[in-house]
N, C-alpha and C. Protein backbone atom coordinates (compact mmCIF):
# COMPACT_ATOMS: atom_id res chain seq x y z
N MET A 1 -5.70 -26.84 28.02
CA MET A 1 -6.36 -27.24 26.86
C MET A 1 -7.09 -26.06 26.13
N LEU A 2 -7.89 -25.52 27.00
CA LEU A 2 -8.73 -24.31 26.47
C LEU A 2 -7.83 -23.24 26.01
N ARG A 3 -6.78 -23.02 26.74
CA ARG A 3 -5.71 -22.09 26.27
C ARG A 3 -5.17 -22.27 25.04
N LEU A 4 -4.71 -23.55 24.78
CA LEU A 4 -4.07 -23.92 23.45
C LEU A 4 -5.16 -23.78 22.45
N LEU A 5 -6.33 -23.96 22.55
CA LEU A 5 -7.41 -23.87 21.58
C LEU A 5 -7.73 -22.43 21.27
N VAL A 6 -7.68 -21.52 22.24
CA VAL A 6 -7.84 -20.20 21.86
C VAL A 6 -6.65 -19.60 21.06
N CYS A 7 -5.49 -20.00 21.45
CA CYS A 7 -4.17 -19.61 20.69
C CYS A 7 -4.22 -20.15 19.30
N LEU A 8 -4.68 -21.38 19.09
CA LEU A 8 -4.89 -21.67 17.68
C LEU A 8 -5.80 -21.11 17.00
N TRP A 9 -7.01 -20.81 17.71
CA TRP A 9 -8.07 -19.91 16.97
C TRP A 9 -7.40 -18.57 16.58
N LEU A 10 -6.78 -17.95 17.52
CA LEU A 10 -6.11 -16.53 17.11
C LEU A 10 -5.15 -16.68 16.03
N LEU A 11 -4.47 -17.71 15.96
CA LEU A 11 -3.36 -17.85 14.85
C LEU A 11 -4.20 -18.05 13.46
N VAL A 12 -5.04 -18.88 13.44
CA VAL A 12 -5.79 -19.30 12.29
C VAL A 12 -6.70 -18.02 11.79
N TYR A 13 -7.43 -17.38 12.68
CA TYR A 13 -8.45 -16.26 12.42
C TYR A 13 -7.64 -14.77 12.21
N SER A 14 -6.43 -14.81 12.90
CA SER A 14 -5.95 -13.31 12.79
C SER A 14 -5.59 -13.08 11.54
N GLY A 15 -5.98 -11.82 11.07
CA GLY A 15 -5.76 -11.22 9.74
C GLY A 15 -6.44 -12.00 8.67
N SER A 16 -7.58 -12.70 8.90
CA SER A 16 -8.20 -13.43 8.02
C SER A 16 -9.26 -12.61 7.11
N SER A 17 -8.88 -11.40 7.10
CA SER A 17 -9.74 -10.60 6.10
C SER A 17 -8.97 -9.48 5.54
N TYR A 18 -9.61 -8.98 4.52
CA TYR A 18 -8.66 -7.76 3.77
C TYR A 18 -9.46 -6.59 3.94
N GLU A 19 -10.28 -6.48 4.74
CA GLU A 19 -11.02 -4.98 4.97
C GLU A 19 -10.29 -4.40 6.02
N VAL A 20 -9.96 -3.06 5.88
CA VAL A 20 -9.27 -2.34 6.81
C VAL A 20 -10.09 -1.14 7.10
N GLN A 21 -9.78 -0.63 8.43
CA GLN A 21 -10.66 0.54 8.90
C GLN A 21 -9.81 1.83 8.66
N ASN A 22 -8.56 1.99 8.95
CA ASN A 22 -7.75 3.11 8.69
C ASN A 22 -7.10 3.12 7.40
N LYS A 23 -7.30 4.21 6.84
CA LYS A 23 -6.68 4.25 5.48
C LYS A 23 -6.14 5.82 5.21
N PRO A 24 -4.75 5.78 5.70
CA PRO A 24 -4.08 7.09 5.61
C PRO A 24 -3.67 7.47 4.14
N VAL A 25 -3.69 6.54 3.12
CA VAL A 25 -3.19 6.60 1.78
C VAL A 25 -4.47 7.17 0.82
N THR A 26 -4.08 8.26 0.10
CA THR A 26 -5.30 8.64 -0.67
C THR A 26 -5.33 7.63 -1.99
N GLU A 27 -6.24 7.68 -2.65
CA GLU A 27 -6.44 6.88 -4.03
C GLU A 27 -5.41 7.30 -5.05
N ASP A 28 -5.25 8.66 -5.16
CA ASP A 28 -4.24 9.15 -5.96
C ASP A 28 -2.71 8.55 -5.46
N CYS A 29 -2.47 8.75 -4.32
CA CYS A 29 -1.10 8.04 -3.79
C CYS A 29 -0.96 6.60 -4.22
N LEU A 30 -2.12 5.84 -3.86
CA LEU A 30 -2.09 4.52 -4.21
C LEU A 30 -1.85 4.11 -5.79
N ASP A 31 -2.59 5.14 -6.50
CA ASP A 31 -2.40 5.08 -7.96
C ASP A 31 -0.90 5.24 -8.38
N CYS A 32 -0.12 6.22 -7.66
CA CYS A 32 1.34 6.57 -8.03
C CYS A 32 2.17 5.32 -7.61
N LEU A 33 1.84 4.99 -6.42
CA LEU A 33 2.68 3.70 -5.86
C LEU A 33 2.50 2.58 -6.85
N CYS A 34 1.26 2.15 -7.30
CA CYS A 34 1.06 1.14 -8.23
C CYS A 34 1.86 1.49 -9.54
N GLU A 35 1.68 2.55 -9.97
CA GLU A 35 2.34 2.91 -11.44
C GLU A 35 3.80 2.89 -11.24
N THR A 36 4.44 3.31 -10.18
CA THR A 36 5.74 3.49 -10.03
C THR A 36 6.40 2.00 -9.70
N MET A 37 5.52 1.12 -8.99
CA MET A 37 6.16 -0.23 -8.56
C MET A 37 6.02 -1.23 -9.67
N SER A 38 4.93 -0.98 -10.51
CA SER A 38 4.73 -2.17 -11.56
C SER A 38 4.23 -1.86 -12.88
N GLY A 39 3.98 -0.45 -12.86
CA GLY A 39 2.91 -0.04 -14.06
C GLY A 39 1.74 -0.44 -14.12
N CYS A 40 1.24 -0.66 -12.78
CA CYS A 40 0.05 -1.22 -12.55
C CYS A 40 -0.38 -2.65 -13.19
N ASN A 41 0.59 -3.46 -13.65
CA ASN A 41 0.40 -4.59 -14.10
C ASN A 41 -0.13 -5.53 -13.12
N ALA A 42 -1.49 -5.83 -13.45
CA ALA A 42 -2.33 -6.65 -12.60
C ALA A 42 -2.12 -8.09 -12.80
N SER A 43 -1.24 -8.60 -13.67
CA SER A 43 -0.93 -10.01 -13.75
C SER A 43 -0.30 -10.57 -12.38
N ALA A 44 -0.64 -11.69 -12.01
CA ALA A 44 -0.33 -12.23 -10.74
C ALA A 44 1.11 -12.78 -10.86
N ILE A 45 1.98 -11.97 -10.59
CA ILE A 45 3.37 -12.30 -10.75
C ILE A 45 4.22 -11.82 -9.51
N CYS A 46 5.37 -12.43 -9.27
CA CYS A 46 6.29 -12.02 -8.31
C CYS A 46 7.68 -11.85 -8.92
N VAL A 47 8.22 -10.67 -8.58
CA VAL A 47 9.51 -10.51 -9.18
C VAL A 47 10.53 -10.44 -7.87
N ASN A 48 11.61 -11.23 -7.88
CA ASN A 48 12.52 -11.33 -6.83
C ASN A 48 11.74 -11.34 -5.37
N GLY A 49 10.68 -11.96 -5.23
CA GLY A 49 9.91 -12.27 -4.01
C GLY A 49 8.89 -10.89 -3.71
N ALA A 50 8.96 -10.17 -4.64
CA ALA A 50 7.92 -8.98 -4.44
C ALA A 50 6.65 -9.13 -5.33
N CYS A 51 5.48 -9.03 -4.92
CA CYS A 51 4.41 -9.61 -5.73
C CYS A 51 3.31 -8.43 -5.85
N GLY A 52 2.51 -8.65 -7.03
CA GLY A 52 1.42 -7.80 -7.23
C GLY A 52 1.55 -6.54 -7.62
N ILE A 53 0.49 -5.65 -7.79
CA ILE A 53 0.72 -4.19 -8.45
C ILE A 53 1.73 -3.35 -7.60
N PHE A 54 1.74 -3.66 -6.25
CA PHE A 54 2.52 -2.96 -5.43
C PHE A 54 3.97 -3.49 -5.15
N ARG A 55 4.15 -4.70 -5.79
CA ARG A 55 5.52 -5.28 -5.38
C ARG A 55 5.59 -5.55 -4.07
N ILE A 56 4.71 -6.13 -3.33
CA ILE A 56 4.82 -6.29 -1.90
C ILE A 56 5.70 -7.56 -1.60
N THR A 57 6.49 -7.54 -0.48
CA THR A 57 7.27 -8.66 -0.07
C THR A 57 6.50 -9.26 0.99
N TRP A 58 6.81 -10.47 1.25
CA TRP A 58 6.36 -11.24 2.51
C TRP A 58 6.56 -10.55 3.78
N GLY A 59 7.77 -9.86 4.04
CA GLY A 59 7.92 -9.18 5.20
C GLY A 59 7.09 -8.09 5.38
N TYR A 60 6.88 -7.37 4.36
CA TYR A 60 5.86 -6.15 4.36
C TYR A 60 4.48 -6.68 4.70
N TRP A 61 4.06 -7.64 4.06
CA TRP A 61 2.84 -8.18 4.23
C TRP A 61 2.52 -8.75 5.76
N VAL A 62 3.65 -9.29 6.36
CA VAL A 62 3.62 -9.70 7.71
C VAL A 62 3.51 -8.41 8.57
N GLU A 63 4.24 -7.53 8.38
CA GLU A 63 4.31 -6.27 9.09
C GLU A 63 2.90 -5.42 9.08
N ALA A 64 2.22 -5.66 7.80
CA ALA A 64 0.98 -5.09 7.68
C ALA A 64 -0.21 -5.89 8.36
N GLY A 65 0.05 -7.04 8.84
CA GLY A 65 -0.90 -7.64 9.58
C GLY A 65 -1.54 -8.97 8.87
N LYS A 66 -0.74 -9.49 7.86
CA LYS A 66 -1.16 -10.70 7.06
C LYS A 66 -2.70 -10.56 6.72
N LEU A 67 -3.01 -9.62 6.03
CA LEU A 67 -4.38 -9.64 5.45
C LEU A 67 -4.60 -10.80 4.39
N THR A 68 -5.81 -11.44 4.29
CA THR A 68 -5.95 -12.55 3.41
C THR A 68 -7.35 -12.21 2.81
N LEU A 69 -7.53 -13.06 1.80
CA LEU A 69 -8.83 -12.97 1.15
C LEU A 69 -9.69 -13.77 1.95
N PRO A 70 -11.04 -13.44 1.83
CA PRO A 70 -12.15 -14.22 2.64
C PRO A 70 -11.87 -15.82 2.56
N THR A 71 -11.27 -16.33 1.48
CA THR A 71 -11.23 -17.80 1.29
C THR A 71 -10.06 -18.37 2.04
N ASP A 72 -9.17 -17.60 2.36
CA ASP A 72 -7.89 -17.94 2.95
C ASP A 72 -7.82 -17.68 4.62
N THR A 73 -6.86 -18.25 5.21
CA THR A 73 -6.52 -17.94 6.58
C THR A 73 -5.04 -17.38 6.40
N ALA A 74 -4.53 -16.67 7.47
CA ALA A 74 -3.12 -16.23 7.48
C ALA A 74 -2.27 -17.47 7.28
N LEU A 75 -2.66 -18.70 7.83
CA LEU A 75 -1.83 -19.90 7.79
C LEU A 75 -2.00 -20.62 6.35
N SER A 76 -2.71 -20.27 5.63
CA SER A 76 -2.82 -20.78 4.21
C SER A 76 -1.53 -20.70 3.51
N GLU A 77 -1.16 -21.67 2.83
CA GLU A 77 0.06 -21.78 2.10
C GLU A 77 0.31 -20.50 0.99
N ASP A 78 -0.85 -20.29 0.49
CA ASP A 78 -0.75 -19.17 -0.53
C ASP A 78 -1.46 -18.00 -0.21
N ALA A 79 -1.72 -17.58 1.15
CA ALA A 79 -2.34 -16.39 1.74
C ALA A 79 -1.68 -15.31 1.15
N PHE A 80 -0.37 -15.18 1.31
CA PHE A 80 0.38 -13.96 0.87
C PHE A 80 0.15 -13.66 -0.58
N THR A 81 0.57 -14.75 -1.41
CA THR A 81 0.50 -14.41 -2.92
C THR A 81 -0.94 -14.23 -3.28
N ASN A 82 -1.92 -14.82 -2.74
CA ASN A 82 -3.41 -14.47 -3.07
C ASN A 82 -3.71 -13.15 -2.68
N CYS A 83 -3.27 -12.64 -1.51
CA CYS A 83 -3.73 -11.34 -1.13
C CYS A 83 -3.09 -10.32 -1.96
N VAL A 84 -1.67 -10.34 -2.01
CA VAL A 84 -1.02 -9.33 -2.71
C VAL A 84 -1.10 -9.23 -4.22
N ASN A 85 -1.61 -10.44 -4.69
CA ASN A 85 -1.87 -10.42 -6.22
C ASN A 85 -3.33 -10.07 -6.50
N GLN A 86 -4.05 -9.65 -5.33
CA GLN A 86 -5.63 -9.19 -5.64
C GLN A 86 -5.50 -7.65 -5.31
N PRO A 87 -5.72 -6.81 -6.28
CA PRO A 87 -5.46 -5.40 -6.09
C PRO A 87 -6.10 -4.67 -4.78
N HIS A 88 -7.52 -5.22 -4.46
CA HIS A 88 -8.05 -4.68 -3.29
C HIS A 88 -7.25 -5.01 -2.13
N CYS A 89 -6.89 -6.24 -1.84
CA CYS A 89 -6.33 -6.74 -0.79
C CYS A 89 -4.87 -6.17 -0.55
N ALA A 90 -4.13 -6.07 -1.77
CA ALA A 90 -2.90 -5.40 -1.75
C ALA A 90 -2.95 -3.96 -1.44
N ALA A 91 -4.07 -3.22 -1.89
CA ALA A 91 -4.07 -1.82 -1.39
C ALA A 91 -4.40 -1.77 -0.02
N ASN A 92 -5.24 -2.68 0.69
CA ASN A 92 -5.33 -2.52 1.98
C ASN A 92 -4.13 -2.93 2.84
N THR A 93 -3.42 -3.80 2.27
CA THR A 93 -2.20 -4.21 2.84
C THR A 93 -1.16 -2.95 2.91
N VAL A 94 -1.17 -2.31 1.87
CA VAL A 94 -0.43 -0.92 2.03
C VAL A 94 -0.96 0.07 2.90
N GLN A 95 -2.26 0.13 3.10
CA GLN A 95 -3.03 0.92 3.97
C GLN A 95 -2.57 0.59 5.33
N ASN A 96 -2.54 -0.55 5.75
CA ASN A 96 -2.32 -1.08 6.94
C ASN A 96 -0.85 -0.96 7.41
N TYR A 97 0.15 -1.08 6.49
CA TYR A 97 1.53 -0.83 6.75
C TYR A 97 1.63 0.77 6.83
N MET A 98 1.22 1.56 6.22
CA MET A 98 1.24 2.97 6.33
C MET A 98 0.64 3.54 7.64
N PHE A 99 -0.45 2.87 8.05
CA PHE A 99 -1.12 3.26 9.25
C PHE A 99 -0.23 2.88 10.47
N LYS A 100 0.26 1.83 10.31
CA LYS A 100 1.29 1.15 11.50
C LYS A 100 2.68 2.02 11.39
N HIS A 101 3.26 2.38 10.45
CA HIS A 101 4.45 2.85 10.31
C HIS A 101 4.61 4.23 9.85
N GLY A 102 3.46 4.88 9.60
CA GLY A 102 3.33 6.12 8.99
C GLY A 102 4.29 7.20 10.00
N GLN A 103 5.18 7.99 9.11
CA GLN A 103 6.06 8.92 9.72
C GLN A 103 6.70 9.91 8.68
N ASP A 104 7.20 10.87 9.18
CA ASP A 104 7.57 11.94 8.30
C ASP A 104 9.20 11.60 7.88
N CYS A 105 9.13 10.85 6.62
CA CYS A 105 10.38 10.59 6.15
C CYS A 105 11.25 11.61 5.53
N ASN A 106 10.68 12.61 5.10
CA ASN A 106 11.32 13.59 4.30
C ASN A 106 11.68 14.92 5.10
N GLY A 107 11.28 14.96 6.44
CA GLY A 107 11.62 16.00 7.39
C GLY A 107 10.79 17.30 7.05
N ASP A 108 9.84 17.19 6.38
CA ASP A 108 8.83 18.52 6.20
C ASP A 108 7.77 18.69 7.21
N GLU A 109 7.86 17.98 8.22
CA GLU A 109 6.97 18.17 9.45
C GLU A 109 5.42 17.77 9.13
N HIS A 110 5.16 17.00 7.99
CA HIS A 110 3.80 16.37 7.86
C HIS A 110 3.96 15.10 7.24
N ILE A 111 3.07 14.25 7.23
CA ILE A 111 3.07 13.04 6.69
C ILE A 111 2.13 12.92 5.60
N ASP A 112 2.75 12.74 4.43
CA ASP A 112 1.81 12.66 3.11
C ASP A 112 2.21 11.62 2.04
N CYS A 113 1.81 11.81 0.89
CA CYS A 113 2.31 10.80 -0.08
C CYS A 113 3.70 10.63 -0.41
N LEU A 114 4.39 11.65 -0.06
CA LEU A 114 5.84 11.49 -0.66
C LEU A 114 6.51 10.64 0.51
N ASP A 115 6.05 10.73 1.71
CA ASP A 115 6.54 10.05 2.81
C ASP A 115 6.09 8.46 2.74
N PHE A 116 4.88 8.17 2.22
CA PHE A 116 4.38 6.94 1.84
C PHE A 116 5.05 6.17 0.84
N GLY A 117 5.55 7.08 -0.08
CA GLY A 117 6.29 6.44 -1.09
C GLY A 117 7.87 5.93 -0.64
N ALA A 118 8.31 6.73 0.25
CA ALA A 118 9.60 6.36 0.81
C ALA A 118 9.48 5.29 1.69
N LEU A 119 8.28 5.22 2.58
CA LEU A 119 8.20 3.98 3.38
C LEU A 119 7.97 2.84 2.55
N HIS A 120 7.17 2.91 1.46
CA HIS A 120 6.87 1.76 0.58
C HIS A 120 8.14 1.21 -0.06
N LYS A 121 8.95 2.07 -0.47
CA LYS A 121 10.07 1.48 -1.34
C LYS A 121 11.38 1.08 -0.37
N LEU A 122 11.55 1.92 0.56
CA LEU A 122 12.64 1.59 1.48
C LEU A 122 12.21 1.08 2.82
N GLY A 123 11.18 1.08 3.31
CA GLY A 123 10.71 0.40 4.51
C GLY A 123 10.87 1.44 5.68
N ASN A 124 10.25 0.97 6.78
CA ASN A 124 9.95 1.97 7.93
C ASN A 124 11.22 2.31 8.71
N LEU A 125 12.33 1.56 8.56
CA LEU A 125 13.57 1.78 9.27
C LEU A 125 14.59 2.65 8.44
N LYS A 126 14.38 2.76 7.16
CA LYS A 126 15.26 3.32 6.10
C LYS A 126 14.64 4.38 5.23
N CYS A 127 13.38 4.83 5.69
CA CYS A 127 12.66 5.71 4.78
C CYS A 127 13.27 7.17 4.78
N GLN A 128 14.13 7.53 5.52
CA GLN A 128 14.68 8.89 5.43
C GLN A 128 16.03 8.80 4.47
N GLU A 129 16.40 7.63 4.03
CA GLU A 129 17.39 7.55 3.05
C GLU A 129 17.04 8.02 1.60
N GLU A 130 17.77 8.28 0.83
CA GLU A 130 17.61 8.67 -0.56
C GLU A 130 16.93 7.59 -1.40
N LEU A 131 15.84 8.12 -2.03
CA LEU A 131 15.05 7.05 -2.98
C LEU A 131 15.91 6.82 -4.10
N PRO A 132 15.77 5.66 -4.74
CA PRO A 132 16.45 5.34 -5.88
C PRO A 132 15.90 6.41 -7.04
N TYR A 133 16.79 6.83 -7.98
CA TYR A 133 16.62 7.79 -8.95
C TYR A 133 15.33 7.49 -9.64
N ILE A 134 15.30 6.38 -10.21
CA ILE A 134 14.15 6.01 -11.16
C ILE A 134 12.89 6.01 -10.42
N PHE A 135 12.89 5.42 -9.25
CA PHE A 135 11.75 5.36 -8.52
C PHE A 135 11.17 6.76 -8.18
N ALA A 136 12.13 7.81 -7.68
CA ALA A 136 11.84 8.98 -7.35
C ALA A 136 11.22 9.81 -8.57
N LYS A 137 11.85 9.55 -9.65
CA LYS A 137 11.36 10.50 -11.01
C LYS A 137 10.01 9.98 -11.28
N VAL A 138 9.68 8.71 -11.48
CA VAL A 138 8.43 8.14 -11.81
C VAL A 138 7.43 8.51 -10.84
N PHE A 139 7.64 8.46 -9.62
CA PHE A 139 6.77 8.63 -8.50
C PHE A 139 6.38 10.06 -8.51
N ASN A 140 7.33 11.01 -8.48
CA ASN A 140 7.22 12.60 -8.56
C ASN A 140 6.35 12.90 -9.76
N ARG A 141 6.71 12.37 -10.91
CA ARG A 141 5.84 12.74 -12.07
C ARG A 141 4.49 12.30 -12.09
N CYS A 142 4.18 11.22 -11.45
CA CYS A 142 2.84 10.69 -11.30
C CYS A 142 2.12 11.64 -10.34
N LEU A 143 2.81 11.86 -9.24
CA LEU A 143 2.11 12.96 -8.21
C LEU A 143 1.87 14.16 -8.81
N LYS A 144 2.67 14.82 -9.63
CA LYS A 144 2.51 16.08 -10.21
C LYS A 144 1.37 15.97 -11.28
N SER A 145 1.05 14.85 -11.97
CA SER A 145 0.22 14.62 -12.95
C SER A 145 -1.21 14.81 -12.06
N LYS A 146 -1.21 13.92 -11.09
CA LYS A 146 -2.42 13.73 -10.25
C LYS A 146 -2.77 15.17 -9.71
N GLU A 147 -1.89 16.03 -9.19
CA GLU A 147 -2.34 17.40 -8.87
C GLU A 147 -2.67 18.21 -9.89
N ARG A 148 -2.07 18.17 -11.04
CA ARG A 148 -2.63 19.01 -12.31
C ARG A 148 -3.92 18.71 -12.50
N MET A 149 -4.25 17.26 -12.68
CA MET A 149 -5.84 16.80 -12.86
C MET A 149 -6.69 17.41 -11.73
N THR A 150 -6.26 17.28 -10.73
CA THR A 150 -7.14 17.86 -9.55
C THR A 150 -7.46 19.37 -9.78
N GLU A 151 -6.45 20.22 -9.96
CA GLU A 151 -6.39 21.55 -10.19
C GLU A 151 -7.38 21.68 -11.53
N GLU A 152 -7.21 21.11 -12.50
CA GLU A 152 -8.08 21.37 -13.50
C GLU A 152 -9.62 20.88 -13.35
N LYS A 153 -9.82 20.01 -12.62
CA LYS A 153 -11.11 19.61 -12.21
C LYS A 153 -11.74 20.59 -11.42
N ILE A 154 -10.99 21.41 -10.38
CA ILE A 154 -11.45 22.29 -9.70
C ILE A 154 -11.84 23.61 -10.38
N ILE A 155 -11.04 23.87 -11.40
CA ILE A 155 -11.31 25.08 -12.10
C ILE A 155 -12.30 24.68 -13.04
N LYS A 156 -12.76 23.62 -13.52
CA LYS A 156 -13.84 23.27 -14.37
C LYS A 156 -15.04 23.29 -13.46
N GLU A 157 -15.15 22.79 -12.24
CA GLU A 157 -16.08 22.91 -11.29
C GLU A 157 -16.63 24.30 -11.05
N GLN A 158 -15.48 25.32 -10.94
CA GLN A 158 -15.77 26.61 -10.51
C GLN A 158 -16.44 27.34 -11.59
N GLU A 159 -15.91 26.84 -12.85
CA GLU A 159 -16.48 27.52 -13.95
C GLU A 159 -18.00 27.28 -14.24
N MET A 160 -18.32 26.02 -13.98
CA MET A 160 -19.57 25.49 -14.09
C MET A 160 -20.37 26.26 -13.02
N VAL A 161 -20.03 26.43 -11.78
CA VAL A 161 -20.88 27.05 -10.67
C VAL A 161 -21.04 28.57 -11.07
N SER A 162 -20.03 29.29 -11.94
CA SER A 162 -20.18 30.63 -11.99
C SER A 162 -20.97 30.85 -13.24
N THR A 163 -21.27 29.94 -14.12
CA THR A 163 -22.07 30.22 -15.32
C THR A 163 -23.51 29.85 -15.10
């Protein structure tokens, strides 16, 4: 009986928070994933079973550990949609997925945002395959824009220090 109660407790409370410790994905990378997947449209919608600003599917959410809002449990009927339609919980779901499945998808011998984009779009078993053209185009354009903004910020900071 005690064993059954412990199992039930673990089921109810596992994944009952949306805070995560390990965050391999940078804010810029999350911004580009959001921009590419939904245009960062924060309305609580699902398109073909993919929900929120990152268009997360139920399977992806499960693989990422079933994060939930503090008011839900992983067994709540709306736990999935509530989490992935809330930007902070959705971003932490992406972080958990990438921490769990992070791999070198493009064969350049290091794991970075390009790999996270492939993992997010294609999944951990197919991330070495070719990305859909439109996804790759929008995602790469966003990353280049983020790089330019970072470089400009560094140049301005250096100019301020030298004056």
